[in-house]
N, C-alpha and C. Protein backbone atom coordinates (compact mmCIF):
# COMPACT_ATOMS: atom_id res chain seq x y z
N MET A 1 91.79 104.49 90.96
CA MET A 1 90.80 104.09 91.95
C MET A 1 91.02 104.98 93.17
N THR A 2 89.96 105.57 93.61
CA THR A 2 90.09 106.47 94.74
C THR A 2 90.20 105.73 96.06
N HIS A 3 89.60 104.55 96.13
CA HIS A 3 89.62 103.83 97.41
C HIS A 3 89.17 102.39 97.18
N ALA A 4 89.79 101.50 97.93
CA ALA A 4 89.36 100.09 97.91
C ALA A 4 89.61 99.52 99.29
N GLU A 5 88.71 98.66 99.72
CA GLU A 5 88.90 98.03 101.02
C GLU A 5 88.26 96.66 101.02
N VAL A 6 88.71 95.84 101.97
CA VAL A 6 88.15 94.50 102.12
C VAL A 6 87.56 94.41 103.52
N ASN A 7 86.31 93.97 103.58
CA ASN A 7 85.63 93.75 104.85
C ASN A 7 85.08 92.33 104.86
N LEU A 8 84.81 91.81 106.04
CA LEU A 8 84.17 90.51 106.16
C LEU A 8 82.71 90.73 106.51
N ASP A 9 81.82 90.05 105.80
CA ASP A 9 80.39 90.21 106.03
C ASP A 9 79.69 88.90 105.67
N ARG A 10 78.98 88.32 106.64
CA ARG A 10 78.18 87.10 106.42
C ARG A 10 79.01 85.95 105.84
N GLY A 11 80.28 85.86 106.22
CA GLY A 11 81.12 84.78 105.75
C GLY A 11 81.86 85.06 104.45
N TYR A 12 81.59 86.21 103.86
CA TYR A 12 82.25 86.61 102.61
C TYR A 12 83.36 87.62 102.89
N ALA A 13 84.38 87.59 102.04
CA ALA A 13 85.30 88.72 101.94
C ALA A 13 84.65 89.65 100.92
N VAL A 14 84.42 90.90 101.32
CA VAL A 14 83.78 91.86 100.43
C VAL A 14 84.83 92.89 100.00
N VAL A 15 85.14 92.88 98.71
CA VAL A 15 86.09 93.83 98.14
C VAL A 15 85.27 95.00 97.60
N ALA A 16 85.33 96.13 98.29
CA ALA A 16 84.56 97.31 97.89
C ALA A 16 85.46 98.23 97.09
N LEU A 17 85.12 98.39 95.82
CA LEU A 17 85.89 99.25 94.92
C LEU A 17 85.14 100.56 94.72
N GLN A 18 85.91 101.65 94.55
CA GLN A 18 85.29 102.96 94.35
C GLN A 18 86.01 103.72 93.25
N GLY A 19 85.29 104.59 92.59
CA GLY A 19 85.90 105.45 91.59
C GLY A 19 86.09 104.75 90.26
N GLU A 20 87.20 105.07 89.60
CA GLU A 20 87.50 104.53 88.28
C GLU A 20 88.40 103.30 88.39
N ILE A 21 87.98 102.22 87.76
CA ILE A 21 88.79 101.00 87.73
C ILE A 21 89.35 100.92 86.31
N ASP A 22 90.58 101.36 86.16
CA ASP A 22 91.19 101.45 84.84
C ASP A 22 92.58 100.82 84.85
N LEU A 23 93.32 101.05 83.79
CA LEU A 23 94.65 100.45 83.63
C LEU A 23 95.56 100.73 84.82
N TYR A 24 95.39 101.89 85.45
CA TYR A 24 96.25 102.28 86.56
C TYR A 24 95.80 101.69 87.89
N SER A 25 94.50 101.53 88.08
CA SER A 25 94.00 101.06 89.37
C SER A 25 93.63 99.58 89.38
N SER A 26 93.45 98.99 88.20
CA SER A 26 93.02 97.58 88.18
C SER A 26 94.04 96.62 88.80
N PRO A 27 95.36 96.90 88.75
CA PRO A 27 96.26 95.97 89.45
C PRO A 27 95.98 95.88 90.96
N GLN A 28 95.61 97.00 91.58
CA GLN A 28 95.28 96.97 93.00
C GLN A 28 93.99 96.18 93.22
N ALA A 29 93.00 96.40 92.37
CA ALA A 29 91.74 95.66 92.48
C ALA A 29 92.01 94.16 92.33
N ARG A 30 92.81 93.81 91.33
CA ARG A 30 93.16 92.41 91.06
C ARG A 30 93.84 91.79 92.28
N GLU A 31 94.79 92.52 92.85
CA GLU A 31 95.53 92.02 94.01
C GLU A 31 94.59 91.76 95.19
N LEU A 32 93.66 92.66 95.45
CA LEU A 32 92.73 92.48 96.56
C LEU A 32 91.81 91.28 96.32
N ILE A 33 91.28 91.19 95.09
CA ILE A 33 90.36 90.09 94.77
C ILE A 33 91.07 88.75 94.86
N LEU A 34 92.21 88.63 94.20
CA LEU A 34 92.93 87.35 94.20
C LEU A 34 93.46 87.01 95.58
N GLY A 35 93.82 88.03 96.35
CA GLY A 35 94.30 87.79 97.72
C GLY A 35 93.24 87.13 98.58
N CYS A 36 92.00 87.61 98.47
CA CYS A 36 90.90 87.01 99.24
C CYS A 36 90.69 85.56 98.83
N LEU A 37 90.73 85.31 97.52
CA LEU A 37 90.52 83.95 97.02
C LEU A 37 91.66 83.02 97.41
N GLU A 38 92.89 83.54 97.41
CA GLU A 38 94.04 82.73 97.81
C GLU A 38 93.95 82.33 99.28
N GLU A 39 93.26 83.15 100.08
CA GLU A 39 93.04 82.82 101.49
C GLU A 39 91.89 81.83 101.65
N GLY A 40 91.26 81.45 100.53
CA GLY A 40 90.18 80.49 100.58
C GLY A 40 88.84 81.07 101.00
N ARG A 41 88.68 82.39 100.83
CA ARG A 41 87.45 83.05 101.25
C ARG A 41 86.47 83.21 100.09
N PRO A 42 85.20 82.87 100.30
CA PRO A 42 84.18 83.23 99.31
C PRO A 42 84.23 84.75 99.16
N THR A 43 84.14 85.26 97.96
CA THR A 43 84.41 86.68 97.72
C THR A 43 83.30 87.36 96.95
N LEU A 44 82.95 88.56 97.42
CA LEU A 44 82.02 89.44 96.73
C LEU A 44 82.78 90.69 96.33
N VAL A 45 82.51 91.21 95.15
CA VAL A 45 83.09 92.47 94.72
C VAL A 45 81.96 93.49 94.63
N ASP A 46 82.05 94.51 95.48
CA ASP A 46 81.03 95.56 95.55
C ASP A 46 81.40 96.65 94.56
N LEU A 47 80.58 96.80 93.53
CA LEU A 47 80.82 97.79 92.49
C LEU A 47 79.85 98.96 92.57
N SER A 48 79.20 99.14 93.71
CA SER A 48 78.18 100.18 93.83
C SER A 48 78.76 101.59 93.71
N ALA A 49 80.03 101.78 94.05
CA ALA A 49 80.63 103.12 94.00
C ALA A 49 81.62 103.26 92.85
N VAL A 50 81.52 102.37 91.86
CA VAL A 50 82.40 102.44 90.70
C VAL A 50 81.77 103.33 89.64
N SER A 51 82.50 104.39 89.26
CA SER A 51 81.99 105.33 88.26
C SER A 51 82.40 104.97 86.84
N TYR A 52 83.45 104.13 86.72
CA TYR A 52 83.97 103.76 85.40
C TYR A 52 84.78 102.48 85.56
N ILE A 53 84.67 101.58 84.60
CA ILE A 53 85.51 100.39 84.59
C ILE A 53 85.87 100.10 83.14
N ASP A 54 87.17 99.85 82.89
CA ASP A 54 87.59 99.56 81.53
C ASP A 54 87.92 98.07 81.40
N SER A 55 88.46 97.69 80.26
CA SER A 55 88.71 96.27 79.99
C SER A 55 89.70 95.66 80.97
N SER A 56 90.66 96.44 81.47
CA SER A 56 91.60 95.87 82.43
C SER A 56 90.91 95.59 83.76
N GLY A 57 89.95 96.42 84.14
CA GLY A 57 89.18 96.17 85.34
C GLY A 57 88.29 94.96 85.19
N VAL A 58 87.66 94.84 84.03
CA VAL A 58 86.82 93.67 83.74
C VAL A 58 87.67 92.42 83.74
N ALA A 59 88.88 92.50 83.20
CA ALA A 59 89.78 91.34 83.18
C ALA A 59 90.11 90.90 84.60
N SER A 60 90.26 91.83 85.52
CA SER A 60 90.52 91.48 86.93
C SER A 60 89.34 90.72 87.52
N LEU A 61 88.13 91.14 87.17
CA LEU A 61 86.93 90.45 87.65
C LEU A 61 86.85 89.04 87.07
N VAL A 62 87.13 88.91 85.78
CA VAL A 62 87.09 87.60 85.13
C VAL A 62 88.14 86.67 85.73
N GLU A 63 89.32 87.20 85.98
CA GLU A 63 90.37 86.38 86.59
C GLU A 63 89.95 85.91 87.99
N GLY A 64 89.30 86.78 88.73
CA GLY A 64 88.79 86.39 90.04
C GLY A 64 87.76 85.28 89.92
N LEU A 65 86.86 85.41 88.96
CA LEU A 65 85.84 84.38 88.75
C LEU A 65 86.48 83.04 88.41
N GLN A 66 87.46 83.06 87.54
CA GLN A 66 88.14 81.82 87.14
C GLN A 66 88.85 81.17 88.33
N LYS A 67 89.52 82.00 89.13
CA LYS A 67 90.23 81.47 90.30
C LYS A 67 89.24 80.90 91.32
N ALA A 68 88.11 81.58 91.50
CA ALA A 68 87.10 81.10 92.44
C ALA A 68 86.54 79.76 91.98
N ARG A 69 86.21 79.67 90.70
CA ARG A 69 85.68 78.41 90.18
C ARG A 69 86.68 77.28 90.32
N ALA A 70 87.94 77.56 90.04
CA ALA A 70 88.99 76.54 90.16
C ALA A 70 89.13 76.06 91.60
N GLY A 71 88.89 76.97 92.55
CA GLY A 71 89.02 76.63 93.96
C GLY A 71 87.72 76.24 94.63
N GLY A 72 86.64 76.19 93.86
CA GLY A 72 85.35 75.83 94.43
C GLY A 72 84.80 76.86 95.39
N LEU A 73 85.12 78.13 95.17
CA LEU A 73 84.69 79.20 96.07
C LEU A 73 83.58 80.04 95.43
N ALA A 74 82.71 80.57 96.26
CA ALA A 74 81.68 81.48 95.78
C ALA A 74 82.34 82.79 95.36
N PHE A 75 81.83 83.37 94.27
CA PHE A 75 82.33 84.65 93.76
C PHE A 75 81.16 85.35 93.08
N ALA A 76 80.91 86.59 93.46
CA ALA A 76 79.79 87.32 92.86
C ALA A 76 80.07 88.82 92.90
N LEU A 77 79.31 89.52 92.10
CA LEU A 77 79.34 90.98 92.07
C LEU A 77 78.09 91.48 92.79
N VAL A 78 78.25 92.53 93.58
CA VAL A 78 77.10 93.09 94.30
C VAL A 78 76.99 94.59 94.06
N GLY A 79 75.74 95.05 94.06
CA GLY A 79 75.49 96.48 93.95
C GLY A 79 76.12 97.12 92.73
N VAL A 80 76.07 96.45 91.60
CA VAL A 80 76.78 96.93 90.41
C VAL A 80 76.20 98.27 89.95
N SER A 81 77.06 99.27 89.87
CA SER A 81 76.63 100.60 89.42
C SER A 81 76.16 100.55 87.97
N GLU A 82 75.39 101.55 87.59
CA GLU A 82 74.88 101.61 86.22
C GLU A 82 76.03 101.65 85.21
N ALA A 83 77.07 102.43 85.51
CA ALA A 83 78.21 102.54 84.60
C ALA A 83 78.92 101.20 84.43
N ALA A 84 79.12 100.50 85.53
CA ALA A 84 79.79 99.20 85.46
C ALA A 84 78.91 98.17 84.75
N MET A 85 77.61 98.20 85.01
CA MET A 85 76.71 97.24 84.38
C MET A 85 76.69 97.42 82.86
N LYS A 86 76.74 98.66 82.39
CA LYS A 86 76.75 98.90 80.94
C LYS A 86 77.96 98.22 80.30
N VAL A 87 79.11 98.31 80.94
CA VAL A 87 80.32 97.69 80.40
C VAL A 87 80.19 96.16 80.43
N LEU A 88 79.67 95.63 81.53
CA LEU A 88 79.48 94.17 81.61
C LEU A 88 78.49 93.69 80.55
N GLN A 89 77.44 94.46 80.32
CA GLN A 89 76.47 94.08 79.31
C GLN A 89 77.06 94.14 77.90
N LEU A 90 77.86 95.17 77.63
CA LEU A 90 78.50 95.28 76.32
C LEU A 90 79.42 94.09 76.05
N ALA A 91 80.09 93.64 77.10
CA ALA A 91 81.00 92.49 76.97
C ALA A 91 80.26 91.16 77.11
N ARG A 92 78.94 91.25 77.29
CA ARG A 92 78.09 90.07 77.49
C ARG A 92 78.54 89.24 78.71
N LEU A 93 79.01 89.93 79.72
CA LEU A 93 79.45 89.26 80.94
C LEU A 93 78.43 89.38 82.07
N ASP A 94 77.38 90.13 81.84
CA ASP A 94 76.37 90.31 82.89
C ASP A 94 75.67 88.99 83.22
N THR A 95 75.71 88.04 82.29
CA THR A 95 75.10 86.73 82.56
C THR A 95 76.13 85.69 82.99
N VAL A 96 77.42 86.04 82.90
CA VAL A 96 78.48 85.11 83.29
C VAL A 96 78.69 85.18 84.81
N PHE A 97 78.64 86.38 85.35
CA PHE A 97 78.82 86.57 86.79
C PHE A 97 77.50 86.40 87.52
N ASP A 98 77.57 85.93 88.76
CA ASP A 98 76.43 86.02 89.66
C ASP A 98 76.39 87.47 90.12
N VAL A 99 75.25 88.12 89.92
CA VAL A 99 75.11 89.53 90.28
C VAL A 99 73.94 89.67 91.25
N TYR A 100 74.20 90.34 92.38
CA TYR A 100 73.18 90.55 93.40
C TYR A 100 73.04 92.04 93.69
N SER A 101 71.86 92.42 94.10
CA SER A 101 71.59 93.83 94.38
C SER A 101 72.39 94.33 95.60
N GLY A 102 72.68 93.44 96.52
CA GLY A 102 73.45 93.81 97.70
C GLY A 102 73.91 92.56 98.45
N ILE A 103 74.67 92.76 99.47
CA ILE A 103 75.22 91.63 100.24
C ILE A 103 74.11 90.79 100.86
N ASP A 104 73.07 91.46 101.33
CA ASP A 104 71.97 90.74 101.97
C ASP A 104 71.23 89.83 101.00
N ALA A 105 71.35 90.08 99.70
CA ALA A 105 70.66 89.25 98.70
C ALA A 105 71.47 88.00 98.32
N CYS A 106 72.72 87.92 98.79
CA CYS A 106 73.58 86.79 98.46
C CYS A 106 73.23 85.57 99.32
N PRO A 107 73.39 84.39 98.75
CA PRO A 107 73.14 83.19 99.55
C PRO A 107 74.15 83.08 100.69
N ALA A 108 73.73 82.49 101.77
CA ALA A 108 74.64 82.30 102.92
C ALA A 108 75.74 81.32 102.55
N VAL A 109 76.92 81.55 103.13
CA VAL A 109 78.05 80.62 102.91
C VAL A 109 78.44 79.97 104.22
């Protein structure tokens, strides 16, 4: 992963991931996502700048979703890149996650 950051926007913690989310970078992505949820923050994962995501990256997203549901927190994917969406669709996860075109399209928290 070339870069990842967390920003606050409209009441959400927004985890913006960039580059390749693979076996080497997914632990960092997982740590950021779970860290936001552990703080009790509704969380969005921005995948607009993700060029590739493998099964370990998808597993980090699924773990985030499970933790959010267990804690009663909002969790969604925003701005999903074409490459990331193809992987989610192949895994039939595109209907499991709440997916929004951007942060402004997300419901207020």
